[in-house]
PDB file of N, CA and C in Angstrom:
ATOM      1  N   UNK A   1       6.935  14.381  -5.339  1.00  0.00           N
ATOM      2  CA  UNK A   1       6.268  13.214  -4.798  1.00  0.00           C
ATOM      3  C   UNK A   1       5.906  12.253  -5.935  1.00  0.00           C
ATOM      4  N   UNK A   2       6.049  10.997  -5.648  1.00  0.00           N
ATOM      5  CA  UNK A   2       5.728   9.927  -6.580  1.00  0.00           C
ATOM      6  C   UNK A   2       4.332   9.393  -6.255  1.00  0.00           C
ATOM      7  N   UNK A   3       3.597   8.988  -7.272  1.00  0.00           N
ATOM      8  CA  UNK A   3       2.270   8.419  -7.080  1.00  0.00           C
ATOM      9  C   UNK A   3       2.199   7.090  -7.813  1.00  0.00           C
ATOM     10  N   UNK A   4       1.819   6.023  -7.090  1.00  0.00           N
ATOM     11  CA  UNK A   4       1.661   4.719  -7.730  1.00  0.00           C
ATOM     12  C   UNK A   4       0.306   4.130  -7.359  1.00  0.00           C
ATOM     13  N   UNK A   5      -0.235   3.345  -8.277  1.00  0.00           N
ATOM     14  CA  UNK A   5      -1.456   2.592  -8.023  1.00  0.00           C
ATOM     15  C   UNK A   5      -1.070   1.127  -8.044  1.00  0.00           C
ATOM     16  N   UNK A   6      -1.453   0.396  -6.985  1.00  0.00           N
ATOM     17  CA  UNK A   6      -1.038  -0.996  -6.863  1.00  0.00           C
ATOM     18  C   UNK A   6      -2.081  -1.784  -6.083  1.00  0.00           C
ATOM     19  N   UNK A   7      -2.027  -3.104  -6.236  1.00  0.00           N
ATOM     20  CA  UNK A   7      -2.898  -4.003  -5.490  1.00  0.00           C
ATOM     21  C   UNK A   7      -2.117  -4.536  -4.301  1.00  0.00           C
ATOM     22  N   UNK A   8      -2.682  -4.428  -3.116  1.00  0.00           N
ATOM     23  CA  UNK A   8      -2.007  -4.878  -1.899  1.00  0.00           C
ATOM     24  C   UNK A   8      -1.963  -6.405  -1.910  1.00  0.00           C
ATOM     25  N   UNK A   9      -0.747  -6.958  -1.927  1.00  0.00           N
ATOM     26  CA  UNK A   9      -0.584  -8.409  -1.998  1.00  0.00           C
ATOM     27  C   UNK A   9      -0.137  -9.017  -0.671  1.00  0.00           C
ATOM     28  N   UNK A  10       0.303  -8.192   0.271  1.00  0.00           N
ATOM     29  CA  UNK A  10       0.716  -8.707   1.567  1.00  0.00           C
ATOM     30  C   UNK A  10       0.929  -7.604   2.577  1.00  0.00           C
ATOM     31  N   UNK A  11       0.737  -7.948   3.839  1.00  0.00           N
ATOM     32  CA  UNK A  11       0.996  -7.010   4.934  1.00  0.00           C
ATOM     33  C   UNK A  11       2.165  -7.577   5.723  1.00  0.00           C
ATOM     34  N   UNK A  12       3.321  -6.948   5.587  1.00  0.00           N
ATOM     35  CA  UNK A  12       4.535  -7.414   6.264  1.00  0.00           C
ATOM     36  C   UNK A  12       4.506  -7.053   7.743  1.00  0.00           C
ATOM     37  N   UNK A  13       4.022  -5.847   8.053  1.00  0.00           N
ATOM     38  CA  UNK A  13       3.933  -5.386   9.439  1.00  0.00           C
ATOM     39  C   UNK A  13       2.768  -4.417   9.555  1.00  0.00           C
ATOM     40  N   UNK A  14       2.072  -4.465  10.685  1.00  0.00           N
ATOM     41  CA  UNK A  14       1.018  -3.479  10.922  1.00  0.00           C
ATOM     42  C   UNK A  14       0.915  -3.168  12.413  1.00  0.00           C
ATOM     43  N   UNK A  15       0.651  -1.919  12.701  1.00  0.00           N
ATOM     44  CA  UNK A  15       0.339  -1.471  14.055  1.00  0.00           C
ATOM     45  C   UNK A  15      -0.980  -0.717  13.924  1.00  0.00           C
ATOM     46  N   UNK A  16      -2.063  -1.417  14.153  1.00  0.00           N
ATOM     47  CA  UNK A  16      -3.386  -0.841  13.911  1.00  0.00           C
ATOM     48  C   UNK A  16      -3.705   0.317  14.848  1.00  0.00           C
ATOM     49  N   UNK A  17      -3.063   0.393  16.000  1.00  0.00           N
ATOM     50  CA  UNK A  17      -3.346   1.519  16.910  1.00  0.00           C
ATOM     51  C   UNK A  17      -2.782   2.835  16.374  1.00  0.00           C
ATOM     52  N   UNK A  18      -1.695   2.765  15.604  1.00  0.00           N
ATOM     53  CA  UNK A  18      -1.121   3.986  15.026  1.00  0.00           C
ATOM     54  C   UNK A  18      -1.419   4.116  13.535  1.00  0.00           C
ATOM     55  N   UNK A  19      -1.861   3.019  12.911  1.00  0.00           N
ATOM     56  CA  UNK A  19      -2.127   3.035  11.476  1.00  0.00           C
ATOM     57  C   UNK A  19      -0.878   2.871  10.635  1.00  0.00           C
ATOM     58  N   UNK A  20       0.242   2.421  11.231  1.00  0.00           N
ATOM     59  CA  UNK A  20       1.492   2.236  10.493  1.00  0.00           C
ATOM     60  C   UNK A  20       1.507   0.856   9.849  1.00  0.00           C
ATOM     61  N   UNK A  21       1.896   0.820   8.567  1.00  0.00           N
ATOM     62  CA  UNK A  21       1.952  -0.429   7.815  1.00  0.00           C
ATOM     63  C   UNK A  21       3.226  -0.508   6.997  1.00  0.00           C
ATOM     64  N   UNK A  22       3.683  -1.744   6.798  1.00  0.00           N
ATOM     65  CA  UNK A  22       4.676  -2.066   5.772  1.00  0.00           C
ATOM     66  C   UNK A  22       3.973  -3.075   4.876  1.00  0.00           C
ATOM     67  N   UNK A  23       3.785  -2.694   3.613  1.00  0.00           N
ATOM     68  CA  UNK A  23       2.979  -3.479   2.686  1.00  0.00           C
ATOM     69  C   UNK A  23       3.788  -3.950   1.494  1.00  0.00           C
ATOM     70  N   UNK A  24       3.384  -5.084   0.933  1.00  0.00           N
ATOM     71  CA  UNK A  24       3.864  -5.538  -0.366  1.00  0.00           C
ATOM     72  C   UNK A  24       2.721  -5.279  -1.329  1.00  0.00           C
ATOM     73  N   UNK A  25       3.032  -4.683  -2.452  1.00  0.00           N
ATOM     74  CA  UNK A  25       1.995  -4.347  -3.417  1.00  0.00           C
ATOM     75  C   UNK A  25       2.488  -4.633  -4.827  1.00  0.00           C
ATOM     76  N   UNK A  26       1.560  -4.999  -5.683  1.00  0.00           N
ATOM     77  CA  UNK A  26       1.879  -5.306  -7.070  1.00  0.00           C
ATOM     78  C   UNK A  26       1.384  -4.168  -7.950  1.00  0.00           C
ATOM     79  N   UNK A  27       2.327  -3.529  -8.631  1.00  0.00           N
ATOM     80  CA  UNK A  27       1.985  -2.442  -9.548  1.00  0.00           C
ATOM     81  C   UNK A  27       2.351  -2.869 -10.962  1.00  0.00           C
ATOM     82  N   UNK A  28       2.159  -1.971 -11.917  1.00  0.00           N
ATOM     83  CA  UNK A  28       2.527  -2.269 -13.306  1.00  0.00           C
ATOM     84  C   UNK A  28       4.021  -2.521 -13.449  1.00  0.00           C
ATOM     85  N   UNK A  29       4.828  -1.924 -12.555  1.00  0.00           N
ATOM     86  CA  UNK A  29       6.277  -2.083 -12.636  1.00  0.00           C
ATOM     87  C   UNK A  29       6.798  -3.252 -11.808  1.00  0.00           C
ATOM     88  N   UNK A  30       5.918  -4.015 -11.170  1.00  0.00           N
ATOM     89  CA  UNK A  30       6.334  -5.179 -10.387  1.00  0.00           C
ATOM     90  C   UNK A  30       5.927  -5.063  -8.928  1.00  0.00           C
ATOM     91  N   UNK A  31       6.569  -5.864  -8.093  1.00  0.00           N
ATOM     92  CA  UNK A  31       6.266  -5.868  -6.660  1.00  0.00           C
ATOM     93  C   UNK A  31       7.066  -4.768  -5.977  1.00  0.00           C
ATOM     94  N   UNK A  32       6.384  -3.978  -5.157  1.00  0.00           N
ATOM     95  CA  UNK A  32       7.021  -2.879  -4.445  1.00  0.00           C
ATOM     96  C   UNK A  32       6.711  -2.991  -2.953  1.00  0.00           C
ATOM     97  N   UNK A  33       7.562  -2.375  -2.144  1.00  0.00           N
ATOM     98  CA  UNK A  33       7.336  -2.278  -0.711  1.00  0.00           C
ATOM     99  C   UNK A  33       6.895  -0.858  -0.410  1.00  0.00           C
ATOM    100  N   UNK A  34       5.811  -0.736   0.348  1.00  0.00           N
ATOM    101  CA  UNK A  34       5.267   0.564   0.726  1.00  0.00           C
ATOM    102  C   UNK A  34       5.190   0.620   2.243  1.00  0.00           C
ATOM    103  N   UNK A  35       5.681   1.719   2.816  1.00  0.00           N
ATOM    104  CA  UNK A  35       5.551   1.874   4.273  1.00  0.00           C
ATOM    105  C   UNK A  35       5.019   3.264   4.570  1.00  0.00           C
ATOM    106  N   UNK A  36       4.234   3.333   5.637  1.00  0.00           N
ATOM    107  CA  UNK A  36       3.698   4.629   6.026  1.00  0.00           C
ATOM    108  C   UNK A  36       2.565   4.489   7.024  1.00  0.00           C
ATOM    109  N   UNK A  37       2.128   5.618   7.551  1.00  0.00           N
ATOM    110  CA  UNK A  37       1.009   5.664   8.488  1.00  0.00           C
ATOM    111  C   UNK A  37      -0.244   6.083   7.735  1.00  0.00           C
ATOM    112  N   UNK A  38      -1.272   5.257   7.846  1.00  0.00           N
ATOM    113  CA  UNK A  38      -2.533   5.515   7.175  1.00  0.00           C
ATOM    114  C   UNK A  38      -3.685   5.370   8.171  1.00  0.00           C
ATOM    115  N   UNK A  39      -3.748   6.233   9.189  1.00  0.00           N
ATOM    116  CA  UNK A  39      -4.827   6.102  10.171  1.00  0.00           C
ATOM    117  C   UNK A  39      -6.188   6.338   9.518  1.00  0.00           C
ATOM    118  N   UNK A  40      -7.135   5.494   9.877  1.00  0.00           N
ATOM    119  CA  UNK A  40      -8.477   5.625   9.342  1.00  0.00           C
ATOM    120  C   UNK A  40      -8.702   4.960   8.003  1.00  0.00           C
ATOM    121  N   UNK A  41      -7.656   4.376   7.409  1.00  0.00           N
ATOM    122  CA  UNK A  41      -7.783   3.703   6.121  1.00  0.00           C
ATOM    123  C   UNK A  41      -7.859   2.197   6.379  1.00  0.00           C
ATOM    124  N   UNK A  42      -8.880   1.543   5.823  1.00  0.00           N
ATOM    125  CA  UNK A  42      -9.063   0.100   6.008  1.00  0.00           C
ATOM    126  C   UNK A  42      -8.179  -0.647   5.013  1.00  0.00           C
ATOM    127  N   UNK A  43      -6.952  -0.942   5.412  1.00  0.00           N
ATOM    128  CA  UNK A  43      -5.991  -1.633   4.557  1.00  0.00           C
ATOM    129  C   UNK A  43      -6.234  -3.134   4.650  1.00  0.00           C
ATOM    130  N   UNK A  44      -6.315  -3.802   3.493  1.00  0.00           N
ATOM    131  CA  UNK A  44      -6.516  -5.251   3.468  1.00  0.00           C
ATOM    132  C   UNK A  44      -5.907  -5.826   2.192  1.00  0.00           C
ATOM    133  N   UNK A  45      -5.515  -7.079   2.263  1.00  0.00           N
ATOM    134  CA  UNK A  45      -4.956  -7.770   1.102  1.00  0.00           C
ATOM    135  C   UNK A  45      -6.034  -7.885   0.023  1.00  0.00           C
ATOM    136  N   UNK A  46      -5.631  -7.624  -1.210  1.00  0.00           N
ATOM    137  CA  UNK A  46      -6.536  -7.740  -2.339  1.00  0.00           C
ATOM    138  C   UNK A  46      -7.135  -6.423  -2.794  1.00  0.00           C
ATOM    139  N   UNK A  47      -6.994  -5.365  -2.003  1.00  0.00           N
ATOM    140  CA  UNK A  47      -7.541  -4.063  -2.380  1.00  0.00           C
ATOM    141  C   UNK A  47      -6.555  -3.296  -3.246  1.00  0.00           C
ATOM    142  N   UNK A  48      -7.080  -2.492  -4.182  1.00  0.00           N
ATOM    143  CA  UNK A  48      -6.249  -1.587  -4.981  1.00  0.00           C
ATOM    144  C   UNK A  48      -6.174  -0.268  -4.245  1.00  0.00           C
ATOM    145  N   UNK A  49      -5.003   0.345  -4.273  1.00  0.00           N
ATOM    146  CA  UNK A  49      -4.810   1.607  -3.571  1.00  0.00           C
ATOM    147  C   UNK A  49      -3.887   2.524  -4.353  1.00  0.00           C
ATOM    148  N   UNK A  50      -4.053   3.810  -4.127  1.00  0.00           N
ATOM    149  CA  UNK A  50      -3.154   4.814  -4.701  1.00  0.00           C
ATOM    150  C   UNK A  50      -2.302   5.335  -3.546  1.00  0.00           C
ATOM    151  N   UNK A  51      -0.988   5.243  -3.693  1.00  0.00           N
ATOM    152  CA  UNK A  51      -0.047   5.691  -2.672  1.00  0.00           C
ATOM    153  C   UNK A  51       0.711   6.905  -3.188  1.00  0.00           C
ATOM    154  N   UNK A  52       0.941   7.869  -2.311  1.00  0.00           N
ATOM    155  CA  UNK A  52       1.716   9.061  -2.642  1.00  0.00           C
ATOM    156  C   UNK A  52       2.866   9.139  -1.658  1.00  0.00           C
ATOM    157  N   UNK A  53       4.084   9.320  -2.170  1.00  0.00           N
ATOM    158  CA  UNK A  53       5.251   9.403  -1.298  1.00  0.00           C
ATOM    159  C   UNK A  53       6.515   9.561  -2.114  1.00  0.00           C
ATOM    160  N   UNK A  54       7.650   9.242  -1.484  1.00  0.00           N
ATOM    161  CA  UNK A  54       8.923   9.322  -2.191  1.00  0.00           C
ATOM    162  C   UNK A  54       9.699   8.029  -1.980  1.00  0.00           C
ATOM    163  N   UNK A  55      10.488   7.684  -2.977  1.00  0.00           N
ATOM    164  CA  UNK A  55      11.287   6.463  -2.917  1.00  0.00           C
ATOM    165  C   UNK A  55      12.500   6.682  -2.027  1.00  0.00           C
ATOM    166  N   UNK A  56      12.783   5.682  -1.185  1.00  0.00           N
ATOM    167  CA  UNK A  56      13.947   5.717  -0.306  1.00  0.00           C
ATOM    168  C   UNK A  56      14.650   4.369  -0.386  1.00  0.00           C
ATOM    169  N   UNK A  57      15.936   4.377  -0.128  1.00  0.00           N
ATOM    170  CA  UNK A  57      16.729   3.151  -0.092  1.00  0.00           C
ATOM    171  C   UNK A  57      17.059   2.845   1.364  1.00  0.00           C
ATOM    172  N   UNK A  58      16.439   1.791   1.911  1.00  0.00           N
ATOM    173  CA  UNK A  58      16.677   1.377   3.293  1.00  0.00           C
ATOM    174  C   UNK A  58      17.907   0.472   3.313  1.00  0.00           C
ATOM    175  N   UNK A  59      18.803   0.663   4.285  1.00  0.00           N
ATOM    176  CA  UNK A  59      20.063  -0.091   4.340  1.00  0.00           C
ATOM    177  C   UNK A  59      19.834  -1.596   4.431  1.00  0.00           C
ATOM    178  N   UNK A  60      18.817  -2.030   5.152  1.00  0.00           N
ATOM    179  CA  UNK A  60      18.562  -3.452   5.348  1.00  0.00           C
ATOM    180  C   UNK A  60      17.506  -3.992   4.391  1.00  0.00           C
ATOM    181  N   UNK A  61      16.439  -3.237   4.175  1.00  0.00           N
ATOM    182  CA  UNK A  61      15.265  -3.749   3.461  1.00  0.00           C
ATOM    183  C   UNK A  61      15.162  -3.299   2.006  1.00  0.00           C
ATOM    184  N   UNK A  62      16.084  -2.489   1.538  1.00  0.00           N
ATOM    185  CA  UNK A  62      16.101  -2.106   0.133  1.00  0.00           C
ATOM    186  C   UNK A  62      15.177  -0.942  -0.208  1.00  0.00           C
ATOM    187  N   UNK A  63      14.784  -0.888  -1.469  1.00  0.00           N
ATOM    188  CA  UNK A  63      13.997   0.229  -1.998  1.00  0.00           C
ATOM    189  C   UNK A  63      12.549   0.152  -1.500  1.00  0.00           C
ATOM    190  N   UNK A  64      12.070   1.283  -0.940  1.00  0.00           N
ATOM    191  CA  UNK A  64      10.718   1.358  -0.401  1.00  0.00           C
ATOM    192  C   UNK A  64      10.100   2.693  -0.775  1.00  0.00           C
ATOM    193  N   UNK A  65       8.782   2.688  -0.928  1.00  0.00           N
ATOM    194  CA  UNK A  65       8.062   3.941  -1.091  1.00  0.00           C
ATOM    195  C   UNK A  65       7.639   4.393   0.299  1.00  0.00           C
ATOM    196  N   UNK A  66       8.195   5.519   0.757  1.00  0.00           N
ATOM    197  CA  UNK A  66       7.806   6.105   2.041  1.00  0.00           C
ATOM    198  C   UNK A  66       6.560   6.940   1.770  1.00  0.00           C
ATOM    199  N   UNK A  67       5.399   6.319   1.969  1.00  0.00           N
ATOM    200  CA  UNK A  67       4.131   6.939   1.591  1.00  0.00           C
ATOM    201  C   UNK A  67       3.631   7.886   2.681  1.00  0.00           C
ATOM    202  N   UNK A  68       3.072   9.004   2.234  1.00  0.00           N
ATOM    203  CA  UNK A  68       2.451   9.960   3.146  1.00  0.00           C
ATOM    204  C   UNK A  68       0.939   9.959   2.970  1.00  0.00           C
ATOM    205  N   UNK A  69       0.461   9.225   1.961  1.00  0.00           N
ATOM    206  CA  UNK A  69      -0.970   9.144   1.730  1.00  0.00           C
ATOM    207  C   UNK A  69      -1.366   7.837   1.069  1.00  0.00           C
ATOM    208  N   UNK A  70      -2.586   7.389   1.382  1.00  0.00           N
ATOM    209  CA  UNK A  70      -3.121   6.159   0.816  1.00  0.00           C
ATOM    210  C   UNK A  70      -4.610   6.354   0.595  1.00  0.00           C
ATOM    211  N   UNK A  71      -5.048   5.998  -0.611  1.00  0.00           N
ATOM    212  CA  UNK A  71      -6.476   6.078  -0.937  1.00  0.00           C
ATOM    213  C   UNK A  71      -6.889   4.746  -1.546  1.00  0.00           C
ATOM    214  N   UNK A  72      -7.857   4.068  -0.929  1.00  0.00           N
ATOM    215  CA  UNK A  72      -8.355   2.804  -1.449  1.00  0.00           C
ATOM    216  C   UNK A  72      -9.220   3.091  -2.675  1.00  0.00           C
ATOM    217  N   UNK A  73      -8.986   2.330  -3.741  1.00  0.00           N
ATOM    218  CA  UNK A  73      -9.737   2.489  -4.982  1.00  0.00           C
ATOM    219  C   UNK A  73     -10.703   1.320  -5.097  1.00  0.00           C
ATOM    220  N   UNK A  74     -12.000   1.562  -4.896  1.00  0.00           N
ATOM    221  CA  UNK A  74     -12.950   0.452  -4.989  1.00  0.00           C
ATOM    222  C   UNK A  74     -13.059  -0.063  -6.424  1.00  0.00           C
ATOM    223  N   UNK A  75     -13.051  -1.376  -6.575  1.00  0.00           N
ATOM    224  CA  UNK A  75     -13.187  -1.974  -7.894  1.00  0.00           C
ATOM    225  C   UNK A  75     -14.669  -2.131  -8.198  1.00  0.00           C
ATOM    226  N   UNK A  76     -15.009  -2.027  -9.454  1.00  0.00           N
ATOM    227  CA  UNK A  76     -16.406  -2.015  -9.840  1.00  0.00           C
ATOM    228  C   UNK A  76     -16.937  -3.387 -10.270  1.00  0.00           C
ATOM    229  N   UNK A  77     -16.058  -4.382 -10.347  1.00  0.00           N
ATOM    230  CA  UNK A  77     -16.534  -5.705 -10.745  1.00  0.00           C
ATOM    231  C   UNK A  77     -16.949  -6.516  -9.511  1.00  0.00           C
ATOM    232  N   UNK A  78     -17.522  -7.675  -9.730  1.00  0.00           N
ATOM    233  CA  UNK A  78     -18.048  -8.501  -8.647  1.00  0.00           C
ATOM    234  C   UNK A  78     -16.949  -8.909  -7.642  1.00  0.00           C
ATOM    235  N   UNK A  79     -15.799  -9.343  -8.150  1.00  0.00           N
ATOM    236  CA  UNK A  79     -14.705  -9.762  -7.270  1.00  0.00           C
ATOM    237  C   UNK A  79     -14.227  -8.604  -6.413  1.00  0.00           C
ATOM    238  N   UNK A  80     -14.097  -7.427  -7.009  1.00  0.00           N
ATOM    239  CA  UNK A  80     -13.669  -6.251  -6.258  1.00  0.00           C
ATOM    240  C   UNK A  80     -14.641  -5.864  -5.175  1.00  0.00           C
ATOM    241  N   UNK A  81     -15.915  -5.955  -5.456  1.00  0.00           N
ATOM    242  CA  UNK A  81     -16.939  -5.605  -4.460  1.00  0.00           C
ATOM    243  C   UNK A  81     -16.910  -6.595  -3.302  1.00  0.00           C
ATOM    244  N   UNK A  82     -16.771  -7.886  -3.587  1.00  0.00           N
ATOM    245  CA  UNK A  82     -16.712  -8.895  -2.525  1.00  0.00           C
ATOM    246  C   UNK A  82     -15.462  -8.686  -1.689  1.00  0.00           C
ATOM    247  N   UNK A  83     -14.322  -8.387  -2.307  1.00  0.00           N
ATOM    248  CA  UNK A  83     -13.066  -8.152  -1.580  1.00  0.00           C
ATOM    249  C   UNK A  83     -13.173  -6.935  -0.688  1.00  0.00           C
ATOM    250  N   UNK A  84     -13.810  -5.868  -1.207  1.00  0.00           N
ATOM    251  CA  UNK A  84     -13.938  -4.623  -0.462  1.00  0.00           C
ATOM    252  C   UNK A  84     -14.822  -4.835   0.755  1.00  0.00           C
TER     253      UNK A  84
END
């Protein structure tokens, strides 16, 4: 399993009743696409999160992290607290 920490920069798709998301996130290695079900996790643009999953190559949408877990990382500075 791969683990990345990234800042959520966009929500491409969401189904809040199931907790399924397709996210754009900015990590140290650049912009990545993350997809997965995260029921009970308050996903929002601007939050930092740790994702656990495996990389897959989608025929239409390209390289994505198929995440099985998401943990929001609260930021300790003023901007992070306001965003959270």
